[in-house]
Protein backbone atom coordinates (compact mmCIF):
# COMPACT_ATOMS: atom_id res chain seq x y z
CA UNK A 1 40.84 -40.71 -71.47
CA UNK A 2 38.40 -41.72 -68.75
CA UNK A 3 37.76 -45.41 -68.33
CA UNK A 4 34.29 -46.38 -67.17
CA UNK A 5 32.71 -49.73 -66.48
CA UNK A 6 30.51 -49.15 -69.53
CA UNK A 7 33.56 -48.55 -71.74
CA UNK A 8 35.28 -51.65 -70.38
CA UNK A 9 32.18 -53.69 -71.17
CA UNK A 10 31.98 -52.23 -74.66
CA UNK A 11 35.56 -53.37 -75.24
CA UNK A 12 34.44 -56.95 -74.52
CA UNK A 13 31.37 -56.90 -76.80
CA UNK A 14 33.02 -59.18 -79.39
CA UNK A 15 34.90 -61.41 -76.92
CA UNK A 16 33.84 -65.05 -76.95
CA UNK A 17 35.79 -66.07 -73.85
CA UNK A 18 33.84 -67.02 -70.70
CA UNK A 19 32.67 -64.10 -68.57
CA UNK A 20 29.96 -65.40 -66.23
CA UNK A 21 29.78 -68.96 -65.02
CA UNK A 22 28.03 -71.07 -62.43
CA UNK A 23 27.28 -74.79 -62.13
CA UNK A 24 24.76 -74.77 -64.98
CA UNK A 25 25.45 -71.64 -67.03
CA UNK A 26 28.36 -70.18 -68.92
CA UNK A 27 28.04 -66.86 -70.75
CA UNK A 28 30.70 -65.40 -72.98
CA UNK A 29 31.62 -61.74 -72.70
CA UNK A 30 29.70 -61.17 -75.94
CA UNK A 31 26.57 -62.76 -74.44
CA UNK A 32 26.97 -61.04 -71.08
CA UNK A 33 27.48 -57.60 -72.60
CA UNK A 34 24.44 -58.09 -74.85
CA UNK A 35 22.31 -59.33 -71.93
CA UNK A 36 23.45 -56.43 -69.76
CA UNK A 37 22.60 -53.98 -72.54
CA UNK A 38 19.11 -55.47 -72.86
CA UNK A 39 18.54 -55.14 -69.13
CA UNK A 40 19.97 -51.62 -69.15
CA UNK A 41 17.59 -50.60 -71.93
CA UNK A 42 14.68 -52.00 -69.93
CA UNK A 43 15.83 -50.13 -66.82
CA UNK A 44 16.04 -46.85 -68.76
CA UNK A 45 12.43 -47.25 -69.96
CA UNK A 46 11.30 -47.67 -66.34
CA UNK A 47 13.33 -44.76 -64.95
CA UNK A 48 11.56 -41.94 -63.11
CA UNK A 49 12.83 -38.56 -61.95
CA UNK A 50 15.33 -38.63 -59.10
CA UNK A 51 18.34 -40.76 -58.24
CA UNK A 52 18.50 -43.82 -60.45
CA UNK A 53 19.03 -46.63 -57.94
CA UNK A 54 18.39 -50.24 -58.92
CA UNK A 55 17.95 -52.59 -55.97
CA UNK A 56 19.21 -56.12 -56.64
CA UNK A 57 17.79 -58.78 -54.34
CA UNK A 58 19.46 -61.89 -55.71
CA UNK A 59 21.82 -64.53 -54.44
CA UNK A 60 25.09 -65.27 -56.21
CA UNK A 61 23.54 -66.18 -59.59
CA UNK A 62 24.54 -65.22 -63.14
CA UNK A 63 21.72 -62.68 -63.27
CA UNK A 64 23.44 -60.56 -60.60
CA UNK A 65 26.46 -59.49 -62.69
CA UNK A 66 24.18 -58.94 -65.67
CA UNK A 67 22.36 -56.30 -63.63
CA UNK A 68 25.71 -54.80 -62.63
CA UNK A 69 26.40 -54.48 -66.36
CA UNK A 70 22.91 -53.08 -66.94
CA UNK A 71 23.35 -50.40 -64.30
CA UNK A 72 26.69 -49.33 -65.71
CA UNK A 73 25.22 -49.02 -69.19
CA UNK A 74 22.08 -47.25 -67.93
CA UNK A 75 24.10 -44.90 -65.72
CA UNK A 76 22.36 -46.19 -62.61
CA UNK A 77 23.63 -47.15 -59.19
CA UNK A 78 23.23 -50.72 -57.97
CA UNK A 79 22.03 -51.21 -54.43
CA UNK A 80 22.73 -54.71 -53.19
CA UNK A 81 19.74 -55.65 -51.05
CA UNK A 82 20.60 -57.98 -48.19
CA UNK A 83 18.63 -61.22 -48.65
CA UNK A 84 19.06 -62.17 -44.99
CA UNK A 85 16.82 -59.31 -43.87
CA UNK A 86 13.10 -59.92 -43.41
CA UNK A 87 9.82 -58.06 -43.16
CA UNK A 88 9.81 -54.42 -42.21
CA UNK A 89 13.61 -54.34 -41.82
CA UNK A 90 13.97 -55.42 -45.45
CA UNK A 91 11.39 -52.86 -46.57
CA UNK A 92 13.20 -50.15 -44.59
CA UNK A 93 16.49 -51.02 -46.32
CA UNK A 94 14.90 -50.75 -49.77
CA UNK A 95 13.11 -47.51 -48.89
CA UNK A 96 16.26 -45.97 -47.39
CA UNK A 97 18.20 -46.77 -50.57
CA UNK A 98 15.58 -44.89 -52.61
CA UNK A 99 15.34 -47.67 -55.21
CA UNK A 100 13.40 -46.97 -58.38
CA UNK A 101 13.53 -50.61 -59.42
CA UNK A 102 13.90 -53.87 -57.54
CA UNK A 103 15.32 -56.85 -59.42
CA UNK A 104 14.71 -60.20 -57.82
CA UNK A 105 13.75 -63.81 -58.44
CA UNK A 106 11.05 -66.05 -56.97
CA UNK A 107 12.92 -66.38 -53.66
CA UNK A 108 13.29 -62.61 -53.31
CA UNK A 109 9.72 -61.99 -54.42
CA UNK A 110 8.55 -64.18 -51.55
CA UNK A 111 10.59 -62.05 -49.13
CA UNK A 112 9.04 -58.75 -50.29
CA UNK A 113 5.50 -59.97 -50.89
CA UNK A 114 3.05 -57.70 -49.09
CA UNK A 115 5.68 -55.10 -48.14
CA UNK A 116 5.24 -51.42 -49.02
CA UNK A 117 8.45 -50.70 -50.92
CA UNK A 118 7.42 -47.39 -52.45
CA UNK A 119 8.16 -48.66 -55.95
CA UNK A 120 4.84 -47.75 -57.52
């Protein structure tokens, strides 16, 4: 039997123990698996032809592991985008990784505003 991240997550779908936590948020495994599945479903609807790379431009927030879950369930590859990069260097990183999607928050959106990321 092959164990995948998706199968390990599925095994936790009914688990009410803490899975993701920060100073203000605690999600159980049940909640995290469900949230990851929702994000994975969204990612699949946005998928285009070619390598399925999802760029994640987030700091260490609960949303980050949810997108790791989403990618596993959507059979995508996560590309961690370095939030210390700026301008054309940041755009070059995203373009080189061939991202179909870029997940970010308000801070990350400010970093990529006005950049040609080839995301369509």
